[in-house]
Amino acid sequence: MIPVDDRGLLLGDGLFETMLAVDGRMEHWAAHWARLSAGCATLGLPLPDEFQTRVACTNALATALLNKGRAAVRLTLTAGSGGRGLERPAAITARVFVTVASAPDAVLAPAKLVTSHVRRNEGSPASRLKSLAYLDNVLARREALAAGGDEALMLNNRGEPACASAANIFWIIGGKLVTPALECGVLAGTTRARVIEQAGRIGTEVVEGRFTPEALRGCDGAFITNSLIGLRAISRLDGASLPAHRLFGAIAAAL
């Protein structure tokens, strides 16, 4: 049971990781653990024991009878209980729990994105972490669905493309792969890192930077990425069609 004074519940004080498991094995565990470790260092949270945490994930899959096929594993770490108001207790006892759910096969149909009015705060350290403060993402996704889209495009406070509500975003211009830099308020996605690595291996230049929405709208193709969907092409942005590009298939195959 999670007590009502848990700081993750009351203040969003914590982190999480969502991982794909295939036949009971967590995919890319090392990358997820490295991101959790970095997040704990940034937030000043104690890092749990890696071996015990991985065993907990494996046991959760077995208990739920999800150790065959694809499953989504969510690992949540909170700052535990204690403290008064915003101040944490002098000694933090982190709370860790795991939940699992079946994960259908990756969606093959291209996504329709709608630009959200909810902005990504690039000045906040939390914008680059998988923190429990995800309400902006919830509102952005809700807005996109209400407008007939599948996903939201989130701009930052400077009006630059940052990400989708639950995915990183890439687009192609002149044969180059383009993606917003982390300084734009972008989560350091594990699949994002793999895409950048594989693009280099197949000889594709990757450009990370700050861009205008017009740069995305005038692209030669675009896609979103996360741990569960892998790569998903984007077919429409705010009702306008985006072209397909062979580079999407090449990178997907490389992964």
Protein backbone atom coordinates (compact mmCIF):
# COMPACT_ATOMS: atom_id res chain seq x y z
CA MET A 1 0.00 0.00 0.00
CA ILE A 2 1.16 3.55 -0.75
CA PRO A 3 0.56 5.77 2.31
CA VAL A 4 -1.31 9.04 1.91
CA ASP A 5 1.74 11.06 3.02
CA ASP A 6 3.94 9.78 0.19
CA ARG A 7 5.76 12.74 -1.38
CA GLY A 8 5.34 11.33 -4.86
CA LEU A 9 1.57 11.39 -4.39
CA LEU A 10 1.41 14.77 -2.67
CA LEU A 11 4.12 16.70 -4.54
CA GLY A 12 5.17 14.69 -7.58
CA ASP A 13 8.52 14.25 -5.84
CA GLY A 14 9.97 11.29 -7.69
CA LEU A 15 10.86 9.62 -10.97
CA PHE A 16 9.67 6.78 -13.12
CA GLU A 17 10.82 4.61 -16.01
CA THR A 18 8.59 2.83 -18.52
CA MET A 19 10.27 -0.14 -20.15
CA LEU A 20 9.29 -2.68 -22.75
CA ALA A 21 9.60 -6.29 -21.63
CA VAL A 22 9.63 -9.13 -24.14
CA ASP A 23 9.14 -12.65 -22.83
CA GLY A 24 9.92 -11.51 -19.30
CA ARG A 25 13.12 -9.65 -20.17
CA MET A 26 13.40 -5.87 -19.89
CA GLU A 27 14.65 -4.35 -23.11
CA HIS A 28 17.53 -1.86 -22.80
CA TRP A 29 17.64 -2.07 -19.01
CA ALA A 30 21.09 -0.44 -18.81
CA ALA A 31 19.90 2.71 -20.61
CA HIS A 32 16.83 3.04 -18.40
CA TRP A 33 18.84 2.49 -15.24
CA ALA A 34 21.42 5.06 -16.31
CA ARG A 35 18.65 7.63 -16.85
CA LEU A 36 17.11 6.83 -13.46
CA SER A 37 20.53 7.19 -11.85
CA ALA A 38 21.07 10.58 -13.48
CA GLY A 39 17.60 11.70 -12.41
CA CYS A 40 18.24 10.67 -8.81
CA ALA A 41 21.49 12.64 -8.83
CA THR A 42 19.71 15.73 -10.17
CA LEU A 43 16.84 15.53 -7.68
CA GLY A 44 18.96 14.46 -4.72
CA LEU A 45 17.18 11.12 -4.29
CA PRO A 46 18.86 7.91 -3.12
CA LEU A 47 19.28 5.35 -5.88
CA PRO A 48 17.83 1.93 -4.99
CA ASP A 49 19.80 -1.27 -5.32
CA GLU A 50 19.91 -2.18 -9.01
CA PHE A 51 19.81 -5.96 -8.55
CA GLN A 52 16.86 -5.89 -6.15
CA THR A 53 15.00 -3.47 -8.40
CA ARG A 54 15.48 -5.63 -11.46
CA VAL A 55 14.30 -8.69 -9.52
CA ALA A 56 11.20 -6.75 -8.48
CA CYS A 57 10.44 -5.99 -12.14
CA THR A 58 10.91 -9.62 -13.13
CA ASN A 59 8.73 -10.82 -10.25
CA ALA A 60 5.98 -8.36 -11.14
CA LEU A 61 5.88 -9.73 -14.68
CA ALA A 62 5.68 -13.31 -13.41
CA THR A 63 2.98 -12.50 -10.84
CA ALA A 64 0.85 -10.84 -13.51
CA LEU A 65 1.44 -13.76 -15.89
CA LEU A 66 2.99 -11.35 -18.39
CA ASN A 67 6.34 -13.07 -18.82
CA LYS A 68 5.39 -14.12 -22.34
CA GLY A 69 5.03 -11.66 -25.19
CA ARG A 70 5.19 -7.87 -24.86
CA ALA A 71 4.56 -6.04 -21.61
CA ALA A 72 4.99 -2.52 -20.28
CA VAL A 73 6.91 -2.29 -17.00
CA ARG A 74 6.65 0.91 -15.01
CA LEU A 75 9.21 1.43 -12.28
CA THR A 76 8.28 4.27 -9.91
CA LEU A 77 10.56 5.83 -7.30
CA THR A 78 9.28 8.43 -4.83
CA ALA A 79 10.97 10.48 -2.13
CA GLY A 80 9.03 8.44 0.42
CA SER A 81 7.23 9.92 3.42
CA GLY A 82 8.14 12.60 5.92
CA GLY A 83 9.14 16.20 5.98
CA ARG A 84 6.87 19.20 6.32
CA GLY A 85 5.43 20.97 3.32
CA LEU A 86 8.05 21.23 0.60
CA GLU A 87 10.99 20.29 2.83
CA ARG A 88 12.11 16.70 2.68
CA PRO A 89 13.13 14.84 5.83
CA ALA A 90 16.81 14.95 6.74
CA ALA A 91 17.12 11.27 5.84
CA ILE A 92 15.15 10.18 2.78
CA THR A 93 13.82 6.65 2.60
CA ALA A 94 12.84 6.27 -1.03
CA ARG A 95 9.82 4.17 -1.95
CA VAL A 96 10.01 1.94 -5.04
CA PHE A 97 7.20 0.02 -6.67
CA VAL A 98 6.59 -1.72 -9.99
CA THR A 99 3.43 -2.05 -12.06
CA VAL A 100 3.03 -4.01 -15.28
CA ALA A 101 0.49 -4.16 -18.09
CA SER A 102 0.20 -5.96 -21.38
CA ALA A 103 1.65 -4.02 -24.30
CA PRO A 104 0.09 -4.55 -27.73
CA ASP A 105 2.29 -4.71 -30.78
CA ALA A 106 3.73 -1.38 -31.87
CA VAL A 107 1.28 0.76 -33.82
CA LEU A 108 2.10 0.75 -37.52
CA ALA A 109 -0.40 3.37 -38.65
CA PRO A 110 1.14 6.85 -38.95
CA ALA A 111 0.24 9.34 -36.24
CA LYS A 112 -1.71 12.58 -36.54
CA LEU A 113 -0.19 15.32 -34.38
CA VAL A 114 -1.94 18.43 -33.09
CA THR A 115 0.03 21.35 -31.67
CA SER A 116 -0.96 21.84 -28.05
CA HIS A 117 -1.43 25.13 -26.25
CA VAL A 118 0.34 23.55 -23.25
CA ARG A 119 3.97 24.61 -23.30
CA ARG A 120 7.07 22.72 -22.28
CA ASN A 121 9.07 24.63 -19.65
CA GLU A 122 12.61 24.38 -20.97
CA GLY A 123 13.91 26.27 -17.92
CA SER A 124 12.84 23.53 -15.51
CA PRO A 125 15.22 20.65 -14.72
CA ALA A 126 12.12 18.42 -14.58
CA SER A 127 11.55 18.92 -18.32
CA ARG A 128 14.58 16.73 -19.02
CA LEU A 129 13.68 14.10 -16.43
CA LYS A 130 11.10 11.32 -16.25
CA SER A 131 9.59 12.98 -13.18
CA LEU A 132 6.22 12.28 -11.58
CA ALA A 133 5.08 15.82 -12.50
CA TYR A 134 3.39 14.83 -15.78
CA LEU A 135 0.20 16.89 -15.67
CA ASP A 136 1.26 19.13 -18.57
CA ASN A 137 1.70 16.01 -20.70
CA VAL A 138 -1.70 14.70 -19.64
CA LEU A 139 -3.36 17.98 -20.63
CA ALA A 140 -1.51 18.16 -23.94
CA ARG A 141 -2.53 14.61 -24.90
CA ARG A 142 -6.13 15.33 -23.88
CA GLU A 143 -6.18 18.43 -26.08
CA ALA A 144 -4.79 16.51 -29.06
CA LEU A 145 -7.32 13.69 -28.73
CA ALA A 146 -10.19 16.17 -28.46
CA ALA A 147 -9.00 17.76 -31.74
CA GLY A 148 -8.98 14.41 -33.54
CA GLY A 149 -5.25 13.73 -33.25
CA ASP A 150 -3.30 10.80 -31.88
CA GLU A 151 -0.56 12.77 -30.17
CA ALA A 152 0.31 16.32 -29.19
CA LEU A 153 3.21 18.40 -30.44
CA MET A 154 4.48 20.40 -27.47
CA LEU A 155 6.35 23.65 -28.04
CA ASN A 156 8.49 25.23 -25.34
CA ASN A 157 8.14 28.74 -23.92
CA ARG A 158 10.20 30.13 -26.83
CA GLY A 159 7.73 28.60 -29.28
CA GLU A 160 10.19 25.94 -30.48
CA PRO A 161 9.22 22.30 -31.09
CA ALA A 162 10.24 20.19 -28.11
CA CYS A 163 8.50 16.80 -28.09
CA ALA A 164 5.22 14.94 -28.14
CA SER A 165 3.29 14.36 -24.93
CA ALA A 166 4.86 10.91 -24.49
CA ALA A 167 7.52 10.70 -27.19
CA ASN A 168 10.51 12.38 -28.75
CA ILE A 169 10.20 13.80 -32.24
CA PHE A 170 12.44 13.65 -35.31
CA TRP A 171 12.09 15.03 -38.83
CA ILE A 172 14.05 14.84 -42.06
CA ILE A 173 15.27 17.78 -44.10
CA GLY A 174 17.57 17.37 -47.10
CA GLY A 175 18.58 13.86 -46.05
CA LYS A 176 19.56 14.99 -42.55
CA LEU A 177 17.84 13.76 -39.39
CA VAL A 178 16.75 16.68 -37.20
CA THR A 179 15.61 16.65 -33.57
CA PRO A 180 15.24 19.28 -30.82
CA ALA A 181 18.21 19.54 -28.46
CA LEU A 182 17.76 18.60 -24.81
CA GLU A 183 18.04 22.29 -23.89
CA CYS A 184 14.66 22.81 -25.57
CA GLY A 185 13.02 21.04 -22.63
CA VAL A 186 13.35 17.57 -24.09
CA LEU A 187 13.36 14.31 -22.18
CA ALA A 188 16.55 12.33 -22.80
CA GLY A 189 14.66 9.43 -24.35
CA THR A 190 16.36 6.05 -24.45
CA THR A 191 14.94 5.32 -27.90
CA ARG A 192 15.91 8.84 -28.98
CA ALA A 193 19.53 8.00 -28.11
CA ARG A 194 19.36 4.73 -30.03
CA VAL A 195 17.94 6.47 -33.11
CA ILE A 196 20.75 9.02 -33.06
CA GLU A 197 23.34 6.26 -32.69
CA GLN A 198 21.89 4.11 -35.48
CA ALA A 199 21.50 7.07 -37.83
CA GLY A 200 25.22 7.70 -37.50
CA ARG A 201 25.98 4.06 -38.22
CA ILE A 202 24.08 4.17 -41.52
CA GLY A 203 25.80 7.40 -42.52
CA THR A 204 22.99 9.88 -41.80
CA GLU A 205 23.92 13.23 -40.32
CA VAL A 206 21.98 14.12 -37.16
CA VAL A 207 21.32 17.76 -36.27
CA GLU A 208 20.26 18.60 -32.70
CA GLY A 209 19.25 22.20 -32.12
CA ARG A 210 16.58 24.84 -31.70
CA PHE A 211 14.07 25.22 -34.52
CA THR A 212 10.88 27.00 -35.46
CA PRO A 213 7.59 25.15 -36.01
CA GLU A 214 7.89 26.08 -39.70
CA ALA A 215 11.00 23.92 -39.98
CA LEU A 216 8.95 20.91 -38.93
CA ARG A 217 5.99 21.77 -41.14
CA GLY A 218 8.26 22.02 -44.18
CA CYS A 219 10.07 18.73 -43.58
CA ASP A 220 10.49 15.74 -45.89
CA GLY A 221 9.15 13.29 -43.28
CA ALA A 222 8.81 12.94 -39.52
CA PHE A 223 8.34 10.39 -36.76
CA ILE A 224 8.03 10.00 -33.01
CA THR A 225 9.82 7.57 -30.70
CA ASN A 226 9.51 6.01 -27.27
CA SER A 227 10.31 2.72 -25.56
CA LEU A 228 6.95 1.07 -26.19
CA ILE A 229 6.09 2.23 -29.72
CA GLY A 230 9.63 2.23 -31.06
CA LEU A 231 9.34 4.43 -34.17
CA ARG A 232 6.02 5.72 -35.50
CA ALA A 233 5.75 7.85 -38.62
CA ILE A 234 3.80 11.12 -38.58
CA SER A 235 1.34 11.57 -41.42
CA ARG A 236 -0.35 14.84 -40.43
CA LEU A 237 0.43 17.91 -38.34
CA ASP A 238 -2.43 20.25 -37.50
CA GLY A 239 -4.41 18.83 -40.41
CA ALA A 240 -1.66 19.26 -43.00
CA SER A 241 -0.11 16.19 -44.63
CA LEU A 242 3.53 15.30 -44.04
CA PRO A 243 5.32 13.16 -46.64
CA ALA A 244 6.76 9.72 -46.02
CA HIS A 245 10.52 9.28 -46.33
CA ARG A 246 12.67 6.21 -46.96
CA LEU A 247 14.99 7.17 -44.08
CA PHE A 248 12.26 6.28 -41.60
CA GLY A 249 12.26 2.68 -42.81
CA ALA A 250 16.05 2.52 -42.88
CA ILE A 251 16.39 3.65 -39.26
CA ALA A 252 13.55 1.40 -38.12
CA ALA A 253 15.27 -1.54 -39.76
CA ALA A 254 18.60 -0.61 -38.18
CA LEU A 255 16.98 -0.66 -34.73
